PDB file of all heavy atoms in Angstrom:
ATOM      1  N   SER A   1     -45.000  23.936  99.571  1.00  0.00           N
ATOM      2  CA  SER A   1     -44.162  23.667  98.390  1.00  0.00           C
ATOM      3  C   SER A   1     -44.840  22.669  97.472  1.00  0.00           C
ATOM      4  O   SER A   1     -45.725  21.912  97.882  1.00  0.00           O
ATOM      5  CB  SER A   1     -42.795  23.135  98.826  1.00  0.00           C
ATOM      6  OG  SER A   1     -42.101  24.098  99.594  1.00  0.00           O
ATOM      7  N   SER A   2     -44.413  22.658  96.223  1.00  0.00           N
ATOM      8  CA  SER A   2     -45.021  21.793  95.206  1.00  0.00           C
ATOM      9  C   SER A   2     -44.733  20.326  95.486  1.00  0.00           C
ATOM     10  O   SER A   2     -43.830  19.983  96.262  1.00  0.00           O
ATOM     11  CB  SER A   2     -44.475  22.152  93.824  1.00  0.00           C
ATOM     12  OG  SER A   2     -43.093  21.822  93.753  1.00  0.00           O
ATOM     13  N   LEU A   3     -45.479  19.456  94.804  1.00  0.00           N
ATOM     14  CA  LEU A   3     -45.269  18.018  94.981  1.00  0.00           C
ATOM     15  C   LEU A   3     -43.871  17.614  94.532  1.00  0.00           C
ATOM     16  O   LEU A   3     -43.222  16.791  95.188  1.00  0.00           O
ATOM     17  CB  LEU A   3     -46.328  17.217  94.195  1.00  0.00           C
ATOM     18  CG  LEU A   3     -47.795  17.462  94.532  1.00  0.00           C
ATOM     19  CD1 LEU A   3     -48.657  16.381  93.890  1.00  0.00           C
ATOM     20  CD2 LEU A   3     -48.033  17.514  96.028  1.00  0.00           C
ATOM     21  N   TRP A   4     -43.379  18.179  93.422  1.00  0.00           N
ATOM     22  CA  TRP A   4     -42.059  17.771  92.948  1.00  0.00           C
ATOM     23  C   TRP A   4     -40.958  18.233  93.894  1.00  0.00           C
ATOM     24  O   TRP A   4     -39.933  17.541  94.047  1.00  0.00           O
ATOM     25  CB  TRP A   4     -41.798  18.232  91.509  1.00  0.00           C
ATOM     26  CG  TRP A   4     -41.687  19.709  91.264  1.00  0.00           C
ATOM     27  CD1 TRP A   4     -42.660  20.567  90.873  1.00  0.00           C
ATOM     28  CD2 TRP A   4     -40.493  20.506  91.386  1.00  0.00           C
ATOM     29  NE1 TRP A   4     -42.177  21.838  90.748  1.00  0.00           N
ATOM     30  CE2 TRP A   4     -40.847  21.843  91.045  1.00  0.00           C
ATOM     31  CE3 TRP A   4     -39.173  20.237  91.745  1.00  0.00           C
ATOM     32  CZ2 TRP A   4     -39.921  22.885  91.056  1.00  0.00           C
ATOM     33  CZ3 TRP A   4     -38.244  21.275  91.751  1.00  0.00           C
ATOM     34  CH2 TRP A   4     -38.622  22.586  91.410  1.00  0.00           C
ATOM     35  N   GLU A   5     -41.161  19.366  94.546  1.00  0.00           N
ATOM     36  CA  GLU A   5     -40.170  19.803  95.538  1.00  0.00           C
ATOM     37  C   GLU A   5     -40.217  18.894  96.769  1.00  0.00           C
ATOM     38  O   GLU A   5     -39.175  18.554  97.348  1.00  0.00           O
ATOM     39  CB  GLU A   5     -40.441  21.252  95.936  1.00  0.00           C
ATOM     40  CG  GLU A   5     -40.096  22.251  94.840  1.00  0.00           C
ATOM     41  CD  GLU A   5     -40.600  23.652  95.137  1.00  0.00           C
ATOM     42  OE1 GLU A   5     -41.791  23.818  95.467  1.00  0.00           O
ATOM     43  OE2 GLU A   5     -39.784  24.587  95.019  1.00  0.00           O
ATOM     44  N   ASN A   6     -41.416  18.471  97.159  1.00  0.00           N
ATOM     45  CA  ASN A   6     -41.534  17.551  98.282  1.00  0.00           C
ATOM     46  C   ASN A   6     -40.945  16.182  97.971  1.00  0.00           C
ATOM     47  O   ASN A   6     -40.391  15.526  98.851  1.00  0.00           O
ATOM     48  CB  ASN A   6     -43.002  17.418  98.689  1.00  0.00           C
ATOM     49  CG  ASN A   6     -43.434  18.485  99.677  1.00  0.00           C
ATOM     50  OD1 ASN A   6     -43.135  18.392 100.858  1.00  0.00           O
ATOM     51  ND2 ASN A   6     -44.106  19.519  99.177  1.00  0.00           N
ATOM     52  N   ALA A   7     -41.066  15.753  96.724  1.00  0.00           N
ATOM     53  CA  ALA A   7     -40.513  14.451  96.338  1.00  0.00           C
ATOM     54  C   ALA A   7     -38.996  14.407  96.460  1.00  0.00           C
ATOM     55  O   ALA A   7     -38.392  13.333  96.573  1.00  0.00           O
ATOM     56  CB  ALA A   7     -40.933  14.106  94.916  1.00  0.00           C
ATOM     57  N   MET A   8     -38.372  15.574  96.448  1.00  0.00           N
ATOM     58  CA  MET A   8     -36.918  15.658  96.566  1.00  0.00           C
ATOM     59  C   MET A   8     -36.424  15.492  97.994  1.00  0.00           C
ATOM     60  O   MET A   8     -35.260  15.128  98.208  1.00  0.00           O
ATOM     61  CB  MET A   8     -36.428  17.024  96.053  1.00  0.00           C
ATOM     62  CG  MET A   8     -36.640  17.261  94.590  1.00  0.00           C
ATOM     63  SD  MET A   8     -36.190  18.964  94.129  1.00  0.00           S
ATOM     64  CE  MET A   8     -34.459  19.008  94.625  1.00  0.00           C
ATOM     65  N   LEU A   9     -37.278  15.753  98.982  1.00  0.00           N
ATOM     66  CA  LEU A   9     -36.827  15.828 100.371  1.00  0.00           C
ATOM     67  C   LEU A   9     -36.135  14.536 100.810  1.00  0.00           C
ATOM     68  O   LEU A   9     -36.690  13.447 100.709  1.00  0.00           O
ATOM     69  CB  LEU A   9     -38.020  16.108 101.298  1.00  0.00           C
ATOM     70  CG  LEU A   9     -38.726  17.454 101.114  1.00  0.00           C
ATOM     71  CD1 LEU A   9     -39.914  17.566 102.058  1.00  0.00           C
ATOM     72  CD2 LEU A   9     -37.755  18.605 101.342  1.00  0.00           C
ATOM     73  N   GLY A  10     -34.908  14.679 101.285  1.00  0.00           N
ATOM     74  CA  GLY A  10     -34.123  13.533 101.715  1.00  0.00           C
ATOM     75  C   GLY A  10     -33.327  12.889 100.605  1.00  0.00           C
ATOM     76  O   GLY A  10     -32.459  12.054 100.858  1.00  0.00           O
ATOM     77  N   HIS A  11     -33.621  13.268  99.356  1.00  0.00           N
ATOM     78  CA  HIS A  11     -32.940  12.665  98.201  1.00  0.00           C
ATOM     79  C   HIS A  11     -32.360  13.730  97.265  1.00  0.00           C
ATOM     80  O   HIS A  11     -31.979  13.438  96.140  1.00  0.00           O
ATOM     81  CB  HIS A  11     -33.919  11.785  97.420  1.00  0.00           C
ATOM     82  CG  HIS A  11     -34.617  10.766  98.272  1.00  0.00           C
ATOM     83  ND1 HIS A  11     -33.988   9.648  98.765  1.00  0.00           N
ATOM     84  CD2 HIS A  11     -35.887  10.728  98.756  1.00  0.00           C
ATOM     85  CE1 HIS A  11     -34.851   8.951  99.501  1.00  0.00           C
ATOM     86  NE2 HIS A  11     -36.009   9.586  99.503  1.00  0.00           N
ATOM     87  N   GLN A  12     -32.329  14.973  97.744  1.00  0.00           N
ATOM     88  CA  GLN A  12     -31.974  16.095  96.868  1.00  0.00           C
ATOM     89  C   GLN A  12     -30.528  16.075  96.396  1.00  0.00           C
ATOM     90  O   GLN A  12     -30.176  16.770  95.452  1.00  0.00           O
ATOM     91  CB  GLN A  12     -32.279  17.430  97.568  1.00  0.00           C
ATOM     92  CG  GLN A  12     -31.495  17.681  98.834  1.00  0.00           C
ATOM     93  CD  GLN A  12     -32.192  17.153 100.086  1.00  0.00           C
ATOM     94  OE1 GLN A  12     -33.066  16.291 100.000  1.00  0.00           O
ATOM     95  NE2 GLN A  12     -31.790  17.654 101.240  1.00  0.00           N
ATOM     96  N   THR A  13     -29.685  15.252  97.035  1.00  0.00           N
ATOM     97  CA  THR A  13     -28.278  15.179  96.625  1.00  0.00           C
ATOM     98  C   THR A  13     -28.024  14.058  95.626  1.00  0.00           C
ATOM     99  O   THR A  13     -26.884  13.809  95.252  1.00  0.00           O
ATOM    100  CB  THR A  13     -27.375  14.965  97.856  1.00  0.00           C
ATOM    101  OG1 THR A  13     -27.744  13.735  98.494  1.00  0.00           O
ATOM    102  CG2 THR A  13     -27.517  16.119  98.834  1.00  0.00           C
ATOM    103  N   GLN A  14     -29.094  13.376  95.197  1.00  0.00           N
ATOM    104  CA  GLN A  14     -28.934  12.202  94.331  1.00  0.00           C
ATOM    105  C   GLN A  14     -29.802  12.333  93.081  1.00  0.00           C
ATOM    106  O   GLN A  14     -30.827  13.023  93.096  1.00  0.00           O
ATOM    107  CB  GLN A  14     -29.334  10.940  95.115  1.00  0.00           C
ATOM    108  CG  GLN A  14     -28.489  10.708  96.372  1.00  0.00           C
ATOM    109  CD  GLN A  14     -29.131   9.700  97.318  1.00  0.00           C
ATOM    110  OE1 GLN A  14     -30.179   9.942  97.895  1.00  0.00           O
ATOM    111  NE2 GLN A  14     -28.489   8.553  97.456  1.00  0.00           N
ATOM    112  N   PRO A  15     -29.388  11.668  91.984  1.00  0.00           N
ATOM    113  CA  PRO A  15     -30.231  11.629  90.780  1.00  0.00           C
ATOM    114  C   PRO A  15     -31.561  10.956  91.122  1.00  0.00           C
ATOM    115  O   PRO A  15     -31.599  10.097  92.012  1.00  0.00           O
ATOM    116  CB  PRO A  15     -29.420  10.780  89.795  1.00  0.00           C
ATOM    117  CG  PRO A  15     -28.015  10.819  90.317  1.00  0.00           C
ATOM    118  CD  PRO A  15     -28.123  10.955  91.802  1.00  0.00           C
ATOM    119  N   PRO A  16     -32.663  11.305  90.463  1.00  0.00           N
ATOM    120  CA  PRO A  16     -32.763  12.258  89.341  1.00  0.00           C
ATOM    121  C   PRO A  16     -32.977  13.700  89.770  1.00  0.00           C
ATOM    122  O   PRO A  16     -33.302  14.540  88.951  1.00  0.00           O
ATOM    123  CB  PRO A  16     -34.001  11.744  88.608  1.00  0.00           C
ATOM    124  CG  PRO A  16     -34.883  11.252  89.719  1.00  0.00           C
ATOM    125  CD  PRO A  16     -33.963  10.662  90.745  1.00  0.00           C
ATOM    126  N   PHE A  17     -32.794  13.985  91.075  1.00  0.00           N
ATOM    127  CA  PHE A  17     -33.081  15.328  91.578  1.00  0.00           C
ATOM    128  C   PHE A  17     -31.889  16.272  91.470  1.00  0.00           C
ATOM    129  O   PHE A  17     -32.054  17.488  91.517  1.00  0.00           O
ATOM    130  CB  PHE A  17     -33.533  15.240  93.044  1.00  0.00           C
ATOM    131  CG  PHE A  17     -34.712  14.338  93.260  1.00  0.00           C
ATOM    132  CD1 PHE A  17     -34.568  13.120  93.918  1.00  0.00           C
ATOM    133  CD2 PHE A  17     -35.963  14.681  92.779  1.00  0.00           C
ATOM    134  CE1 PHE A  17     -35.652  12.282  94.114  1.00  0.00           C
ATOM    135  CE2 PHE A  17     -37.060  13.850  92.959  1.00  0.00           C
ATOM    136  CZ  PHE A  17     -36.894  12.647  93.634  1.00  0.00           C
ATOM    137  N   GLU A  18     -30.686  15.689  91.330  1.00  0.00           N
ATOM    138  CA  GLU A  18     -29.465  16.495  91.299  1.00  0.00           C
ATOM    139  C   GLU A  18     -28.691  16.232  90.009  1.00  0.00           C
ATOM    140  O   GLU A  18     -28.639  15.104  89.515  1.00  0.00           O
ATOM    141  CB  GLU A  18     -28.607  16.142  92.512  1.00  0.00           C
ATOM    142  CG  GLU A  18     -27.314  16.903  92.627  1.00  0.00           C
ATOM    143  CD  GLU A  18     -26.151  16.247  91.907  1.00  0.00           C
ATOM    144  OE1 GLU A  18     -26.246  15.038  91.572  1.00  0.00           O
ATOM    145  OE2 GLU A  18     -25.142  16.936  91.658  1.00  0.00           O
ATOM    146  N   LYS A  19     -28.131  17.301  89.445  1.00  0.00           N
ATOM    147  CA  LYS A  19     -27.322  17.174  88.229  1.00  0.00           C
ATOM    148  C   LYS A  19     -26.220  18.228  88.282  1.00  0.00           C
ATOM    149  O   LYS A  19     -26.502  19.425  88.331  1.00  0.00           O
ATOM    150  CB  LYS A  19     -28.205  17.383  87.000  1.00  0.00           C
ATOM    151  CG  LYS A  19     -27.545  17.013  85.689  1.00  0.00           C
ATOM    152  CD  LYS A  19     -28.569  17.098  84.544  1.00  0.00           C
ATOM    153  CE  LYS A  19     -27.970  16.642  83.237  1.00  0.00           C
ATOM    154  NZ  LYS A  19     -28.966  16.722  82.131  1.00  0.00           N
ATOM    155  N   HIS A  20     -24.956  17.759  88.333  1.00  0.00           N
ATOM    156  CA  HIS A  20     -23.792  18.656  88.380  1.00  0.00           C
ATOM    157  C   HIS A  20     -23.886  19.643  89.540  1.00  0.00           C
ATOM    158  O   HIS A  20     -23.497  20.817  89.413  1.00  0.00           O
ATOM    159  CB  HIS A  20     -23.642  19.416  87.060  1.00  0.00           C
ATOM    160  CG  HIS A  20     -23.608  18.536  85.854  1.00  0.00           C
ATOM    161  ND1 HIS A  20     -22.768  17.445  85.731  1.00  0.00           N
ATOM    162  CD2 HIS A  20     -24.348  18.577  84.694  1.00  0.00           C
ATOM    163  CE1 HIS A  20     -22.973  16.854  84.560  1.00  0.00           C
ATOM    164  NE2 HIS A  20     -23.935  17.512  83.912  1.00  0.00           N
ATOM    165  N   GLY A  21     -24.406  19.183  90.682  1.00  0.00           N
ATOM    166  CA  GLY A  21     -24.443  20.035  91.866  1.00  0.00           C
ATOM    167  C   GLY A  21     -25.645  20.962  91.952  1.00  0.00           C
ATOM    168  O   GLY A  21     -25.752  21.752  92.902  1.00  0.00           O
ATOM    169  N   PHE A  22     -26.540  20.877  90.966  1.00  0.00           N
ATOM    170  CA  PHE A  22     -27.720  21.749  90.955  1.00  0.00           C
ATOM    171  C   PHE A  22     -28.992  20.904  90.924  1.00  0.00           C
ATOM    172  O   PHE A  22     -28.972  19.727  90.566  1.00  0.00           O
ATOM    173  CB  PHE A  22     -27.699  22.672  89.728  1.00  0.00           C
ATOM    174  CG  PHE A  22     -26.573  23.653  89.732  1.00  0.00           C
ATOM    175  CD1 PHE A  22     -25.382  23.372  89.077  1.00  0.00           C
ATOM    176  CD2 PHE A  22     -26.680  24.864  90.409  1.00  0.00           C
ATOM    177  CE1 PHE A  22     -24.328  24.268  89.079  1.00  0.00           C
ATOM    178  CE2 PHE A  22     -25.638  25.772  90.413  1.00  0.00           C
ATOM    179  CZ  PHE A  22     -24.453  25.481  89.752  1.00  0.00           C
ATOM    180  N   VAL A  23     -30.106  21.539  91.314  1.00  0.00           N
ATOM    181  CA  VAL A  23     -31.401  20.861  91.244  1.00  0.00           C
ATOM    182  C   VAL A  23     -31.766  20.595  89.796  1.00  0.00           C
ATOM    183  O   VAL A  23     -31.713  21.500  88.957  1.00  0.00           O
ATOM    184  CB  VAL A  23     -32.503  21.718  91.909  1.00  0.00           C
ATOM    185  CG1 VAL A  23     -33.881  21.141  91.625  1.00  0.00           C
ATOM    186  CG2 VAL A  23     -32.273  21.814  93.408  1.00  0.00           C
ATOM    187  N   ASP A  24     -32.093  19.354  89.487  1.00  0.00           N
ATOM    188  CA  ASP A  24     -32.551  18.978  88.144  1.00  0.00           C
ATOM    189  C   ASP A  24     -34.088  18.998  88.159  1.00  0.00           C
ATOM    190  O   ASP A  24     -34.738  18.009  88.489  1.00  0.00           O
ATOM    191  CB  ASP A  24     -32.028  17.592  87.780  1.00  0.00           C
ATOM    192  CG  ASP A  24     -32.382  17.184  86.354  1.00  0.00           C
ATOM    193  OD1 ASP A  24     -33.194  17.886  85.711  1.00  0.00           O
ATOM    194  OD2 ASP A  24     -31.866  16.156  85.883  1.00  0.00           O
ATOM    195  N   LYS A  25     -34.653  20.152  87.807  1.00  0.00           N
ATOM    196  CA  LYS A  25     -36.100  20.340  87.908  1.00  0.00           C
ATOM    197  C   LYS A  25     -36.850  19.371  86.998  1.00  0.00           C
ATOM    198  O   LYS A  25     -37.873  18.793  87.389  1.00  0.00           O
ATOM    199  CB  LYS A  25     -36.447  21.783  87.546  1.00  0.00           C
ATOM    200  CG  LYS A  25     -37.892  22.166  87.812  1.00  0.00           C
ATOM    201  CD  LYS A  25     -38.102  23.656  87.596  1.00  0.00           C
ATOM    202  CE  LYS A  25     -39.543  24.071  87.807  1.00  0.00           C
ATOM    203  NZ  LYS A  25     -39.742  25.527  87.612  1.00  0.00           N
ATOM    204  N   LYS A  26     -36.340  19.161  85.781  1.00  0.00           N
ATOM    205  CA  LYS A  26     -36.999  18.235  84.852  1.00  0.00           C
ATOM    206  C   LYS A  26     -36.971  16.813  85.402  1.00  0.00           C
ATOM    207  O   LYS A  26     -37.976  16.095  85.352  1.00  0.00           O
ATOM    208  CB  LYS A  26     -36.334  18.295  83.478  1.00  0.00           C
ATOM    209  CG  LYS A  26     -36.632  19.566  82.692  1.00  0.00           C
ATOM    210  CD  LYS A  26     -36.015  19.495  81.296  1.00  0.00           C
ATOM    211  CE  LYS A  26     -36.359  20.751  80.486  1.00  0.00           C
ATOM    212  NZ  LYS A  26     -35.735  20.706  79.130  1.00  0.00           N
ATOM    213  N   GLY A  27     -35.820  16.415  85.924  1.00  0.00           N
ATOM    214  CA  GLY A  27     -35.709  15.074  86.504  1.00  0.00           C
ATOM    215  C   GLY A  27     -36.624  14.903  87.700  1.00  0.00           C
ATOM    216  O   GLY A  27     -37.248  13.859  87.883  1.00  0.00           O
ATOM    217  N   ALA A  28     -36.716  15.949  88.523  1.00  0.00           N
ATOM    218  CA  ALA A  28     -37.577  15.903  89.705  1.00  0.00           C
ATOM    219  C   ALA A  28     -39.038  15.765  89.297  1.00  0.00           C
ATOM    220  O   ALA A  28     -39.798  15.002  89.909  1.00  0.00           O
ATOM    221  CB  ALA A  28     -37.367  17.160  90.547  1.00  0.00           C
ATOM    222  N   LYS A  29     -39.442  16.499  88.275  1.00  0.00           N
ATOM    223  CA  LYS A  29     -40.845  16.430  87.837  1.00  0.00           C
ATOM    224  C   LYS A  29     -41.159  15.071  87.210  1.00  0.00           C
ATOM    225  O   LYS A  29     -42.258  14.531  87.400  1.00  0.00           O
ATOM    226  CB  LYS A  29     -41.144  17.563  86.854  1.00  0.00           C
ATOM    227  CG  LYS A  29     -41.242  18.935  87.528  1.00  0.00           C
ATOM    228  CD  LYS A  29     -41.854  19.966  86.598  1.00  0.00           C
ATOM    229  CE  LYS A  29     -42.138  21.271  87.322  1.00  0.00           C
ATOM    230  NZ  LYS A  29     -42.911  22.220  86.526  1.00  0.00           N
ATOM    231  N   ARG A  30     -40.190  14.501  86.493  1.00  0.00           N
ATOM    232  CA  ARG A  30     -40.399  13.169  85.902  1.00  0.00           C
ATOM    233  C   ARG A  30     -40.591  12.131  86.997  1.00  0.00           C
ATOM    234  O   ARG A  30     -41.499  11.303  86.931  1.00  0.00           O
ATOM    235  CB  ARG A  30     -39.223  12.792  84.997  1.00  0.00           C
ATOM    236  CG  ARG A  30     -39.269  13.388  83.598  1.00  0.00           C
ATOM    237  CD  ARG A  30     -38.323  12.665  82.653  1.00  0.00           C
ATOM    238  NE  ARG A  30     -36.942  12.686  83.140  1.00  0.00           N
ATOM    239  CZ  ARG A  30     -36.053  13.656  82.853  1.00  0.00           C
ATOM    240  NH1 ARG A  30     -36.425  14.678  82.090  1.00  0.00           N
ATOM    241  NH2 ARG A  30     -34.827  13.598  83.317  1.00  0.00           N
ATOM    242  N   ARG A  31     -39.691  12.169  88.002  1.00  0.00           N
ATOM    243  CA  ARG A  31     -39.792  11.193  89.090  1.00  0.00           C
ATOM    244  C   ARG A  31     -41.114  11.369  89.835  1.00  0.00           C
ATOM    245  O   ARG A  31     -41.784  10.386  90.182  1.00  0.00           O
ATOM    246  CB  ARG A  31     -38.611  11.365  90.047  1.00  0.00           C
ATOM    247  CG  ARG A  31     -38.725  10.593  91.378  1.00  0.00           C
ATOM    248  CD  ARG A  31     -38.856   9.068  91.196  1.00  0.00           C
ATOM    249  NE  ARG A  31     -37.654   8.486  90.689  1.00  0.00           N
ATOM    250  CZ  ARG A  31     -36.604   8.118  91.436  1.00  0.00           C
ATOM    251  NH1 ARG A  31     -36.629   8.275  92.746  1.00  0.00           N
ATOM    252  NH2 ARG A  31     -35.551   7.575  90.874  1.00  0.00           N
ATOM    253  N   THR A  32     -41.500  12.612  90.083  1.00  0.00           N
ATOM    254  CA  THR A  32     -42.741  12.865  90.817  1.00  0.00           C
ATOM    255  C   THR A  32     -43.944  12.379  90.024  1.00  0.00           C
ATOM    256  O   THR A  32     -44.891  11.804  90.591  1.00  0.00           O
ATOM    257  CB  THR A  32     -42.886  14.361  91.146  1.00  0.00           C
ATOM    258  OG1 THR A  32     -41.683  14.824  91.760  1.00  0.00           O
ATOM    259  CG2 THR A  32     -44.053  14.595  92.095  1.00  0.00           C
ATOM    260  N   THR A  33     -43.924  12.564  88.717  1.00  0.00           N
ATOM    261  CA  THR A  33     -45.007  12.051  87.864  1.00  0.00           C
ATOM    262  C   THR A  33     -45.082  10.536  87.961  1.00  0.00           C
ATOM    263  O   THR A  33     -46.179   9.951  88.037  1.00  0.00           O
ATOM    264  CB  THR A  33     -44.782  12.479  86.402  1.00  0.00           C
ATOM    265  OG1 THR A  33     -44.778  13.913  86.323  1.00  0.00           O
ATOM    266  CG2 THR A  33     -45.887  11.941  85.497  1.00  0.00           C
ATOM    267  N   ASP A  34     -43.916   9.875  88.006  1.00  0.00           N
ATOM    268  CA  ASP A  34     -43.886   8.413  88.157  1.00  0.00           C
ATOM    269  C   ASP A  34     -44.488   7.995  89.509  1.00  0.00           C
ATOM    270  O   ASP A  34     -45.245   7.017  89.589  1.00  0.00           O
ATOM    271  CB  ASP A  34     -42.448   7.888  88.053  1.00  0.00           C
ATOM    272  CG  ASP A  34     -41.879   8.019  86.645  1.00  0.00           C
ATOM    273  OD1 ASP A  34     -42.676   8.179  85.697  1.00  0.00           O
ATOM    274  OD2 ASP A  34     -40.641   7.953  86.506  1.00  0.00           O
ATOM    275  N   ILE A  35     -44.155   8.740  90.560  1.00  0.00           N
ATOM    276  CA  ILE A  35     -44.694   8.444  91.887  1.00  0.00           C
ATOM    277  C   ILE A  35     -46.214   8.592  91.879  1.00  0.00           C
ATOM    278  O   ILE A  35     -46.953   7.743  92.392  1.00  0.00           O
ATOM    279  CB  ILE A  35     -44.076   9.377  92.953  1.00  0.00           C
ATOM    280  CG1 ILE A  35     -42.583   9.087  93.120  1.00  0.00           C
ATOM    281  CG2 ILE A  35     -44.793   9.228  94.295  1.00  0.00           C
ATOM    282  CD1 ILE A  35     -41.839  10.122  93.946  1.00  0.00           C
ATOM    283  N   VAL A  36     -46.699   9.699  91.302  1.00  0.00           N
ATOM    284  CA  VAL A  36     -48.129   9.983  91.241  1.00  0.00           C
ATOM    285  C   VAL A  36     -48.876   8.858  90.527  1.00  0.00           C
ATOM    286  O   VAL A  36     -49.937   8.403  90.972  1.00  0.00           O
ATOM    287  CB  VAL A  36     -48.376  11.337  90.542  1.00  0.00           C
ATOM    288  CG1 VAL A  36     -49.838  11.494  90.137  1.00  0.00           C
ATOM    289  CG2 VAL A  36     -47.962  12.489  91.466  1.00  0.00           C
ATOM    290  N   GLU A  37     -48.304   8.374  89.420  1.00  0.00           N
ATOM    291  CA  GLU A  37     -48.964   7.323  88.647  1.00  0.00           C
ATOM    292  C   GLU A  37     -48.912   5.976  89.363  1.00  0.00           C
ATOM    293  O   GLU A  37     -49.916   5.271  89.462  1.00  0.00           O
ATOM    294  CB  GLU A  37     -48.316   7.225  87.261  1.00  0.00           C
ATOM    295  CG  GLU A  37     -48.610   8.447  86.392  1.00  0.00           C
ATOM    296  CD  GLU A  37     -47.887   8.405  85.050  1.00  0.00           C
ATOM    297  OE1 GLU A  37     -47.077   7.459  84.840  1.00  0.00           O
ATOM    298  OE2 GLU A  37     -48.112   9.310  84.223  1.00  0.00           O
ATOM    299  N   ARG A  38     -47.738   5.611  89.873  1.00  0.00           N
ATOM    300  CA  ARG A  38     -47.587   4.285  90.482  1.00  0.00           C
ATOM    301  C   ARG A  38     -48.350   4.162  91.789  1.00  0.00           C
ATOM    302  O   ARG A  38     -48.918   3.106  92.092  1.00  0.00           O
ATOM    303  CB  ARG A  38     -46.101   4.002  90.712  1.00  0.00           C
ATOM    304  CG  ARG A  38     -45.833   2.696  91.454  1.00  0.00           C
ATOM    305  CD  ARG A  38     -44.361   2.373  91.498  1.00  0.00           C
ATOM    306  NE  ARG A  38     -44.037   1.462  92.571  1.00  0.00           N
ATOM    307  CZ  ARG A  38     -42.812   1.072  92.891  1.00  0.00           C
ATOM    308  NH1 ARG A  38     -41.779   1.531  92.190  1.00  0.00           N
ATOM    309  NH2 ARG A  38     -42.590   0.245  93.898  1.00  0.00           N
ATOM    310  N   PHE A  39     -48.401   5.245  92.567  1.00  0.00           N
ATOM    311  CA  PHE A  39     -49.022   5.183  93.885  1.00  0.00           C
ATOM    312  C   PHE A  39     -50.400   5.846  93.924  1.00  0.00           C
ATOM    313  O   PHE A  39     -50.955   6.051  94.995  1.00  0.00           O
ATOM    314  CB  PHE A  39     -48.091   5.803  94.936  1.00  0.00           C
ATOM    315  CG  PHE A  39     -46.888   4.940  95.233  1.00  0.00           C
ATOM    316  CD1 PHE A  39     -45.763   5.006  94.424  1.00  0.00           C
ATOM    317  CD2 PHE A  39     -46.900   4.038  96.274  1.00  0.00           C
ATOM    318  CE1 PHE A  39     -44.664   4.201  94.668  1.00  0.00           C
ATOM    319  CE2 PHE A  39     -45.815   3.227  96.520  1.00  0.00           C
ATOM    320  CZ  PHE A  39     -44.688   3.302  95.715  1.00  0.00           C
ATOM    321  N   ASP A  40     -50.930   6.165  92.756  1.00  0.00           N
ATOM    322  CA  ASP A  40     -52.293   6.697  92.638  1.00  0.00           C
ATOM    323  C   ASP A  40     -52.499   7.909  93.539  1.00  0.00           C
ATOM    324  O   ASP A  40     -53.458   7.985  94.313  1.00  0.00           O
ATOM    325  CB  ASP A  40     -53.320   5.606  92.970  1.00  0.00           C
ATOM    326  CG  ASP A  40     -54.757   6.037  92.644  1.00  0.00           C
ATOM    327  OD1 ASP A  40     -54.920   6.863  91.719  1.00  0.00           O
ATOM    328  OD2 ASP A  40     -55.689   5.566  93.315  1.00  0.00           O
ATOM    329  N   VAL A  41     -51.583   8.877  93.443  1.00  0.00           N
ATOM    330  CA  VAL A  41     -51.723  10.129  94.187  1.00  0.00           C
ATOM    331  C   VAL A  41     -52.704  11.009  93.425  1.00  0.00           C
ATOM    332  O   VAL A  41     -52.432  11.392  92.279  1.00  0.00           O
ATOM    333  CB  VAL A  41     -50.367  10.846  94.348  1.00  0.00           C
ATOM    334  CG1 VAL A  41     -50.539  12.141  95.131  1.00  0.00           C
ATOM    335  CG2 VAL A  41     -49.359   9.929  95.034  1.00  0.00           C
ATOM    336  N   ARG A  42     -53.833  11.310  94.010  1.00  0.00           N
ATOM    337  CA  ARG A  42     -54.885  12.062  93.322  1.00  0.00           C
ATOM    338  C   ARG A  42     -54.539  13.556  93.324  1.00  0.00           C
ATOM    339  O   ARG A  42     -54.636  14.219  94.353  1.00  0.00           O
ATOM    340  CB  ARG A  42     -56.232  11.837  94.009  1.00  0.00           C
ATOM    341  CG  ARG A  42     -56.586  10.376  94.241  1.00  0.00           C
ATOM    342  CD  ARG A  42     -57.004   9.651  92.980  1.00  0.00           C
ATOM    343  NE  ARG A  42     -57.218   8.240  93.218  1.00  0.00           N
ATOM    344  CZ  ARG A  42     -58.348   7.699  93.678  1.00  0.00           C
ATOM    345  NH1 ARG A  42     -59.384   8.469  93.977  1.00  0.00           N
ATOM    346  NH2 ARG A  42     -58.455   6.392  93.851  1.00  0.00           N
ATOM    347  N   THR A  43     -54.122  14.068  92.189  1.00  0.00           N
ATOM    348  CA  THR A  43     -53.723  15.470  92.076  1.00  0.00           C
ATOM    349  C   THR A  43     -53.888  15.927  90.638  1.00  0.00           C
ATOM    350  O   THR A  43     -53.700  15.129  89.704  1.00  0.00           O
ATOM    351  CB  THR A  43     -52.256  15.671  92.517  1.00  0.00           C
ATOM    352  OG1 THR A  43     -51.878  17.033  92.328  1.00  0.00           O
ATOM    353  CG2 THR A  43     -51.306  14.787  91.714  1.00  0.00           C
ATOM    354  N   PRO A  44     -54.217  17.208  90.414  1.00  0.00           N
ATOM    355  CA  PRO A  44     -54.323  17.698  89.040  1.00  0.00           C
ATOM    356  C   PRO A  44     -52.985  17.709  88.321  1.00  0.00           C
ATOM    357  O   PRO A  44     -52.906  17.456  87.115  1.00  0.00           O
ATOM    358  CB  PRO A  44     -54.862  19.127  89.191  1.00  0.00           C
ATOM    359  CG  PRO A  44     -55.011  19.409  90.638  1.00  0.00           C
ATOM    360  CD  PRO A  44     -54.648  18.196  91.412  1.00  0.00           C
TER     361      PRO A  44
END
């Protein structure tokens, strides 16, 4: 699975991954981008 899907694991029921009971894909990708930048995750 993609990095943004993995970033949701264990937190998928909470913002920024969840919105009105559904997966918030944009929120998940934003959070994952923040993780990648802050923790220097080397990925394209």
